[in-house]
């Protein structure tokens, strides 16, 4: 399956979000909140929203048909 630029961008954003969750789980440190002034700030909420939307978009990657392999 060839990935579109949108697929790649969504996966990159999801990976960044997953790394933030890893930091939260291991060290109780929210990198997004630390960078953008707290978890309730508008910018932090925007980043969280973008990560969530990227996750929803990435669900579609699970259900796409792969192109047949040609010999």
PDB file of N, CA and C in Angstrom:
ATOM      1  N   UNK A   1       0.847  -1.176   0.000  1.00  0.00           N
ATOM      2  CA  UNK A   1       0.000   0.000   0.000  1.00  0.00           C
ATOM      3  C   UNK A   1       0.891   1.236   0.000  1.00  0.00           C
ATOM      4  N   UNK A   2       0.674   2.106  -0.944  1.00  0.00           N
ATOM      5  CA  UNK A   2       1.435   3.341  -0.949  1.00  0.00           C
ATOM      6  C   UNK A   2       0.729   4.345  -0.044  1.00  0.00           C
ATOM      7  N   UNK A   3       1.505   5.042   0.725  1.00  0.00           N
ATOM      8  CA  UNK A   3       0.948   6.003   1.673  1.00  0.00           C
ATOM      9  C   UNK A   3       0.954   7.388   1.047  1.00  0.00           C
ATOM     10  N   UNK A   4      -0.127   8.111   1.247  1.00  0.00           N
ATOM     11  CA  UNK A   4      -0.212   9.478   0.768  1.00  0.00           C
ATOM     12  C   UNK A   4       0.516  10.388   1.765  1.00  0.00           C
ATOM     13  N   UNK A   5       0.831  11.614   1.363  1.00  0.00           N
ATOM     14  CA  UNK A   5       1.439  12.549   2.316  1.00  0.00           C
ATOM     15  C   UNK A   5       0.565  12.765   3.559  1.00  0.00           C
ATOM     16  N   UNK A   6      -0.763  12.739   3.371  1.00  0.00           N
ATOM     17  CA  UNK A   6      -1.666  12.889   4.521  1.00  0.00           C
ATOM     18  C   UNK A   6      -1.533  11.705   5.470  1.00  0.00           C
ATOM     19  N   UNK A   7      -1.385  10.499   4.939  1.00  0.00           N
ATOM     20  CA  UNK A   7      -1.183   9.305   5.770  1.00  0.00           C
ATOM     21  C   UNK A   7       0.083   9.445   6.599  1.00  0.00           C
ATOM     22  N   UNK A   8       1.147   9.856   5.941  1.00  0.00           N
ATOM     23  CA  UNK A   8       2.433  10.000   6.639  1.00  0.00           C
ATOM     24  C   UNK A   8       2.360  11.073   7.723  1.00  0.00           C
ATOM     25  N   UNK A   9       1.736  12.212   7.415  1.00  0.00           N
ATOM     26  CA  UNK A   9       1.608  13.283   8.400  1.00  0.00           C
ATOM     27  C   UNK A   9       0.794  12.818   9.596  1.00  0.00           C
ATOM     28  N   UNK A  10      -0.300  12.140   9.343  1.00  0.00           N
ATOM     29  CA  UNK A  10      -1.140  11.644  10.444  1.00  0.00           C
ATOM     30  C   UNK A  10      -0.361  10.668  11.318  1.00  0.00           C
ATOM     31  N   UNK A  11       0.400   9.774  10.699  1.00  0.00           N
ATOM     32  CA  UNK A  11       1.182   8.815  11.487  1.00  0.00           C
ATOM     33  C   UNK A  11       2.262   9.500  12.303  1.00  0.00           C
ATOM     34  N   UNK A  12       2.905  10.504  11.747  1.00  0.00           N
ATOM     35  CA  UNK A  12       3.926  11.247  12.494  1.00  0.00           C
ATOM     36  C   UNK A  12       3.310  11.932  13.713  1.00  0.00           C
ATOM     37  N   UNK A  13       2.148  12.557  13.513  1.00  0.00           N
ATOM     38  CA  UNK A  13       1.481  13.237  14.628  1.00  0.00           C
ATOM     39  C   UNK A  13       1.034  12.233  15.680  1.00  0.00           C
ATOM     40  N   UNK A  14       0.532  11.087  15.261  1.00  0.00           N
ATOM     41  CA  UNK A  14       0.126  10.051  16.218  1.00  0.00           C
ATOM     42  C   UNK A  14       1.331   9.544  17.014  1.00  0.00           C
ATOM     43  N   UNK A  15       2.459   9.381  16.360  1.00  0.00           N
ATOM     44  CA  UNK A  15       3.673   8.933  17.056  1.00  0.00           C
ATOM     45  C   UNK A  15       4.108   9.970  18.078  1.00  0.00           C
ATOM     46  N   UNK A  16       4.068  11.243  17.717  1.00  0.00           N
ATOM     47  CA  UNK A  16       4.422  12.300  18.671  1.00  0.00           C
ATOM     48  C   UNK A  16       3.482  12.259  19.869  1.00  0.00           C
ATOM     49  N   UNK A  17       2.183  12.084  19.609  1.00  0.00           N
ATOM     50  CA  UNK A  17       1.221  11.971  20.704  1.00  0.00           C
ATOM     51  C   UNK A  17       1.485  10.760  21.585  1.00  0.00           C
ATOM     52  N   UNK A  18       1.858   9.648  20.958  1.00  0.00           N
ATOM     53  CA  UNK A  18       2.161   8.443  21.733  1.00  0.00           C
ATOM     54  C   UNK A  18       3.393   8.652  22.613  1.00  0.00           C
ATOM     55  N   UNK A  19       4.376   9.356  22.099  1.00  0.00           N
ATOM     56  CA  UNK A  19       5.567   9.643  22.913  1.00  0.00           C
ATOM     57  C   UNK A  19       5.211  10.548  24.092  1.00  0.00           C
ATOM     58  N   UNK A  20       4.301  11.485  23.881  1.00  0.00           N
ATOM     59  CA  UNK A  20       3.852  12.320  24.996  1.00  0.00           C
ATOM     60  C   UNK A  20       3.147  11.471  26.051  1.00  0.00           C
ATOM     61  N   UNK A  21       2.321  10.513  25.607  1.00  0.00           N
ATOM     62  CA  UNK A  21       1.659   9.619  26.559  1.00  0.00           C
ATOM     63  C   UNK A  21       2.675   8.736  27.292  1.00  0.00           C
ATOM     64  N   UNK A  22       3.726   8.330  26.600  1.00  0.00           N
ATOM     65  CA  UNK A  22       4.780   7.551  27.256  1.00  0.00           C
ATOM     66  C   UNK A  22       5.419   8.365  28.378  1.00  0.00           C
ATOM     67  N   UNK A  23       5.714   9.630  28.095  1.00  0.00           N
ATOM     68  CA  UNK A  23       6.275  10.500  29.136  1.00  0.00           C
ATOM     69  C   UNK A  23       5.302  10.665  30.293  1.00  0.00           C
ATOM     70  N   UNK A  24       4.012  10.769  29.976  1.00  0.00           N
ATOM     71  CA  UNK A  24       3.008  10.895  31.037  1.00  0.00           C
ATOM     72  C   UNK A  24       2.962   9.631  31.900  1.00  0.00           C
ATOM     73  N   UNK A  25       3.003   8.488  31.244  1.00  0.00           N
ATOM     74  CA  UNK A  25       2.910   7.228  31.975  1.00  0.00           C
ATOM     75  C   UNK A  25       4.127   6.939  32.834  1.00  0.00           C
ATOM     76  N   UNK A  26       5.294   7.218  32.306  1.00  0.00           N
ATOM     77  CA  UNK A  26       6.523   6.878  33.028  1.00  0.00           C
ATOM     78  C   UNK A  26       6.942   7.942  34.038  1.00  0.00           C
ATOM     79  N   UNK A  27       6.777   9.205  33.672  1.00  0.00           N
ATOM     80  CA  UNK A  27       7.349  10.288  34.491  1.00  0.00           C
ATOM     81  C   UNK A  27       6.334  11.335  34.932  1.00  0.00           C
ATOM     82  N   UNK A  28       5.059  11.147  34.604  1.00  0.00           N
ATOM     83  CA  UNK A  28       4.013  12.123  34.900  1.00  0.00           C
ATOM     84  C   UNK A  28       4.426  13.511  34.402  1.00  0.00           C
ATOM     85  N   UNK A  29       4.968  13.556  33.180  1.00  0.00           N
ATOM     86  CA  UNK A  29       5.434  14.801  32.578  1.00  0.00           C
ATOM     87  C   UNK A  29       4.733  14.993  31.240  1.00  0.00           C
ATOM     88  N   UNK A  30       3.955  16.051  31.146  1.00  0.00           N
ATOM     89  CA  UNK A  30       3.223  16.361  29.921  1.00  0.00           C
ATOM     90  C   UNK A  30       4.038  17.374  29.123  1.00  0.00           C
ATOM     91  N   UNK A  31       4.728  16.901  28.109  1.00  0.00           N
ATOM     92  CA  UNK A  31       5.606  17.749  27.303  1.00  0.00           C
ATOM     93  C   UNK A  31       4.825  18.845  26.580  1.00  0.00           C
ATOM     94  N   UNK A  32       3.673  18.521  26.059  1.00  0.00           N
ATOM     95  CA  UNK A  32       2.856  19.521  25.353  1.00  0.00           C
ATOM     96  C   UNK A  32       2.472  20.647  26.309  1.00  0.00           C
ATOM     97  N   UNK A  33       2.015  20.298  27.489  1.00  0.00           N
ATOM     98  CA  UNK A  33       1.642  21.310  28.475  1.00  0.00           C
ATOM     99  C   UNK A  33       2.853  22.133  28.899  1.00  0.00           C
ATOM    100  N   UNK A  34       3.994  21.482  29.042  1.00  0.00           N
ATOM    101  CA  UNK A  34       5.198  22.200  29.444  1.00  0.00           C
ATOM    102  C   UNK A  34       5.638  23.205  28.382  1.00  0.00           C
ATOM    103  N   UNK A  35       5.509  22.833  27.123  1.00  0.00           N
ATOM    104  CA  UNK A  35       5.942  23.715  26.030  1.00  0.00           C
ATOM    105  C   UNK A  35       4.953  24.867  25.829  1.00  0.00           C
ATOM    106  N   UNK A  36       3.650  24.572  25.908  1.00  0.00           N
ATOM    107  CA  UNK A  36       2.644  25.550  25.518  1.00  0.00           C
ATOM    108  C   UNK A  36       1.891  26.180  26.683  1.00  0.00           C
ATOM    109  N   UNK A  37       2.410  26.089  27.889  1.00  0.00           N
ATOM    110  CA  UNK A  37       1.847  26.845  29.000  1.00  0.00           C
ATOM    111  C   UNK A  37       0.690  26.210  29.738  1.00  0.00           C
ATOM    112  N   UNK A  38       0.730  24.922  29.946  1.00  0.00           N
ATOM    113  CA  UNK A  38      -0.305  24.247  30.713  1.00  0.00           C
ATOM    114  C   UNK A  38      -1.297  23.520  29.837  1.00  0.00           C
ATOM    115  N   UNK A  39      -1.904  22.496  30.401  1.00  0.00           N
ATOM    116  CA  UNK A  39      -2.805  21.648  29.619  1.00  0.00           C
ATOM    117  C   UNK A  39      -4.120  22.339  29.283  1.00  0.00           C
ATOM    118  N   UNK A  40      -4.454  23.432  29.980  1.00  0.00           N
ATOM    119  CA  UNK A  40      -5.706  24.124  29.720  1.00  0.00           C
ATOM    120  C   UNK A  40      -5.538  25.282  28.736  1.00  0.00           C
ATOM    121  N   UNK A  41      -4.305  25.562  28.310  1.00  0.00           N
ATOM    122  CA  UNK A  41      -4.112  26.677  27.380  1.00  0.00           C
ATOM    123  C   UNK A  41      -4.701  26.333  26.018  1.00  0.00           C
ATOM    124  N   UNK A  42      -5.057  27.369  25.263  1.00  0.00           N
ATOM    125  CA  UNK A  42      -5.681  27.170  23.957  1.00  0.00           C
ATOM    126  C   UNK A  42      -4.760  26.405  23.020  1.00  0.00           C
ATOM    127  N   UNK A  43      -3.482  26.717  23.030  1.00  0.00           N
ATOM    128  CA  UNK A  43      -2.539  26.056  22.114  1.00  0.00           C
ATOM    129  C   UNK A  43      -2.392  24.581  22.478  1.00  0.00           C
ATOM    130  N   UNK A  44      -2.288  24.267  23.756  1.00  0.00           N
ATOM    131  CA  UNK A  44      -2.189  22.863  24.176  1.00  0.00           C
ATOM    132  C   UNK A  44      -3.433  22.094  23.772  1.00  0.00           C
ATOM    133  N   UNK A  45      -4.595  22.676  23.984  1.00  0.00           N
ATOM    134  CA  UNK A  45      -5.843  22.008  23.605  1.00  0.00           C
ATOM    135  C   UNK A  45      -5.916  21.806  22.100  1.00  0.00           C
ATOM    136  N   UNK A  46      -5.379  22.762  21.346  1.00  0.00           N
ATOM    137  CA  UNK A  46      -5.348  22.625  19.891  1.00  0.00           C
ATOM    138  C   UNK A  46      -4.441  21.471  19.487  1.00  0.00           C
ATOM    139  N   UNK A  47      -3.276  21.369  20.127  1.00  0.00           N
ATOM    140  CA  UNK A  47      -2.353  20.265  19.838  1.00  0.00           C
ATOM    141  C   UNK A  47      -2.998  18.931  20.181  1.00  0.00           C
ATOM    142  N   UNK A  48      -3.648  18.849  21.340  1.00  0.00           N
ATOM    143  CA  UNK A  48      -4.326  17.602  21.724  1.00  0.00           C
ATOM    144  C   UNK A  48      -5.416  17.240  20.711  1.00  0.00           C
ATOM    145  N   UNK A  49      -6.139  18.239  20.224  1.00  0.00           N
ATOM    146  CA  UNK A  49      -7.192  18.006  19.239  1.00  0.00           C
ATOM    147  C   UNK A  49      -6.609  17.493  17.932  1.00  0.00           C
ATOM    148  N   UNK A  50      -5.514  18.086  17.486  1.00  0.00           N
ATOM    149  CA  UNK A  50      -4.865  17.646  16.240  1.00  0.00           C
ATOM    150  C   UNK A  50      -4.369  16.212  16.376  1.00  0.00           C
ATOM    151  N   UNK A  51      -3.800  15.876  17.523  1.00  0.00           N
ATOM    152  CA  UNK A  51      -3.340  14.502  17.749  1.00  0.00           C
ATOM    153  C   UNK A  51      -4.525  13.537  17.732  1.00  0.00           C
ATOM    154  N   UNK A  52      -5.620  13.915  18.366  1.00  0.00           N
ATOM    155  CA  UNK A  52      -6.803  13.062  18.375  1.00  0.00           C
ATOM    156  C   UNK A  52      -7.396  12.872  16.992  1.00  0.00           C
ATOM    157  N   UNK A  53      -7.485  13.949  16.212  1.00  0.00           N
ATOM    158  CA  UNK A  53      -7.997  13.841  14.852  1.00  0.00           C
ATOM    159  C   UNK A  53      -7.081  12.988  13.986  1.00  0.00           C
ATOM    160  N   UNK A  54      -5.773  13.102  14.204  1.00  0.00           N
ATOM    161  CA  UNK A  54      -4.820  12.266  13.462  1.00  0.00           C
ATOM    162  C   UNK A  54      -5.009  10.801  13.812  1.00  0.00           C
ATOM    163  N   UNK A  55      -5.294  10.526  15.079  1.00  0.00           N
ATOM    164  CA  UNK A  55      -5.569   9.151  15.485  1.00  0.00           C
ATOM    165  C   UNK A  55      -6.809   8.602  14.822  1.00  0.00           C
ATOM    166  N   UNK A  56      -7.858   9.418  14.760  1.00  0.00           N
ATOM    167  CA  UNK A  56      -9.082   8.980  14.083  1.00  0.00           C
ATOM    168  C   UNK A  56      -8.836   8.738  12.602  1.00  0.00           C
ATOM    169  N   UNK A  57      -8.087   9.621  11.966  1.00  0.00           N
ATOM    170  CA  UNK A  57      -7.761   9.442  10.549  1.00  0.00           C
ATOM    171  C   UNK A  57      -6.941   8.164  10.351  1.00  0.00           C
ATOM    172  N   UNK A  58      -6.037   7.882  11.272  1.00  0.00           N
ATOM    173  CA  UNK A  58      -5.165   6.712  11.148  1.00  0.00           C
ATOM    174  C   UNK A  58      -5.934   5.402  11.255  1.00  0.00           C
ATOM    175  N   UNK A  59      -7.109   5.429  11.853  1.00  0.00           N
ATOM    176  CA  UNK A  59      -7.935   4.229  11.902  1.00  0.00           C
ATOM    177  C   UNK A  59      -8.245   3.744  10.488  1.00  0.00           C
ATOM    178  N   UNK A  60      -8.395   4.691   9.564  1.00  0.00           N
ATOM    179  CA  UNK A  60      -8.709   4.313   8.183  1.00  0.00           C
ATOM    180  C   UNK A  60      -7.584   3.496   7.550  1.00  0.00           C
ATOM    181  N   UNK A  61      -6.377   3.653   8.034  1.00  0.00           N
ATOM    182  CA  UNK A  61      -5.248   2.892   7.489  1.00  0.00           C
ATOM    183  C   UNK A  61      -5.404   1.397   7.748  1.00  0.00           C
ATOM    184  N   UNK A  62      -6.123   1.047   8.805  1.00  0.00           N
ATOM    185  CA  UNK A  62      -6.324  -0.365   9.134  1.00  0.00           C
ATOM    186  C   UNK A  62      -7.222  -1.075   8.123  1.00  0.00           C
ATOM    187  N   UNK A  63      -8.107  -0.327   7.490  1.00  0.00           N
ATOM    188  CA  UNK A  63      -9.128  -0.932   6.658  1.00  0.00           C
ATOM    189  C   UNK A  63      -8.898  -0.739   5.163  1.00  0.00           C
ATOM    190  N   UNK A  64      -7.785  -0.192   4.792  1.00  0.00           N
ATOM    191  CA  UNK A  64      -7.500   0.010   3.376  1.00  0.00           C
ATOM    192  C   UNK A  64      -6.967  -1.257   2.747  1.00  0.00           C
ATOM    193  N   UNK A  65      -7.384  -1.499   1.546  1.00  0.00           N
ATOM    194  CA  UNK A  65      -6.884  -2.640   0.799  1.00  0.00           C
ATOM    195  C   UNK A  65      -5.464  -2.329   0.306  1.00  0.00           C
ATOM    196  N   UNK A  66      -4.609  -3.314   0.405  1.00  0.00           N
ATOM    197  CA  UNK A  66      -3.258  -3.127  -0.129  1.00  0.00           C
ATOM    198  C   UNK A  66      -3.259  -3.476  -1.614  1.00  0.00           C
ATOM    199  N   UNK A  67      -2.391  -2.819  -2.340  1.00  0.00           N
ATOM    200  CA  UNK A  67      -2.286  -3.084  -3.781  1.00  0.00           C
ATOM    201  C   UNK A  67      -1.702  -4.480  -3.991  1.00  0.00           C
ATOM    202  N   UNK A  68      -2.199  -5.220  -4.963  1.00  0.00           N
ATOM    203  CA  UNK A  68      -1.666  -6.561  -5.208  1.00  0.00           C
ATOM    204  C   UNK A  68      -0.207  -6.484  -5.666  1.00  0.00           C
ATOM    205  N   UNK A  69       0.566  -7.457  -5.236  1.00  0.00           N
ATOM    206  CA  UNK A  69       1.973  -7.532  -5.616  1.00  0.00           C
ATOM    207  C   UNK A  69       2.076  -8.153  -6.991  1.00  0.00           C
ATOM    208  N   UNK A  70       2.775  -7.470  -7.867  1.00  0.00           N
ATOM    209  CA  UNK A  70       2.956  -7.991  -9.231  1.00  0.00           C
ATOM    210  C   UNK A  70       4.317  -8.623  -9.364  1.00  0.00           C
ATOM    211  N   UNK A  71       4.356  -9.769  -9.998  1.00  0.00           N
ATOM    212  CA  UNK A  71       5.627 -10.478 -10.201  1.00  0.00           C
ATOM    213  C   UNK A  71       6.270 -10.072 -11.512  1.00  0.00           C
TER     214      UNK A  71
END
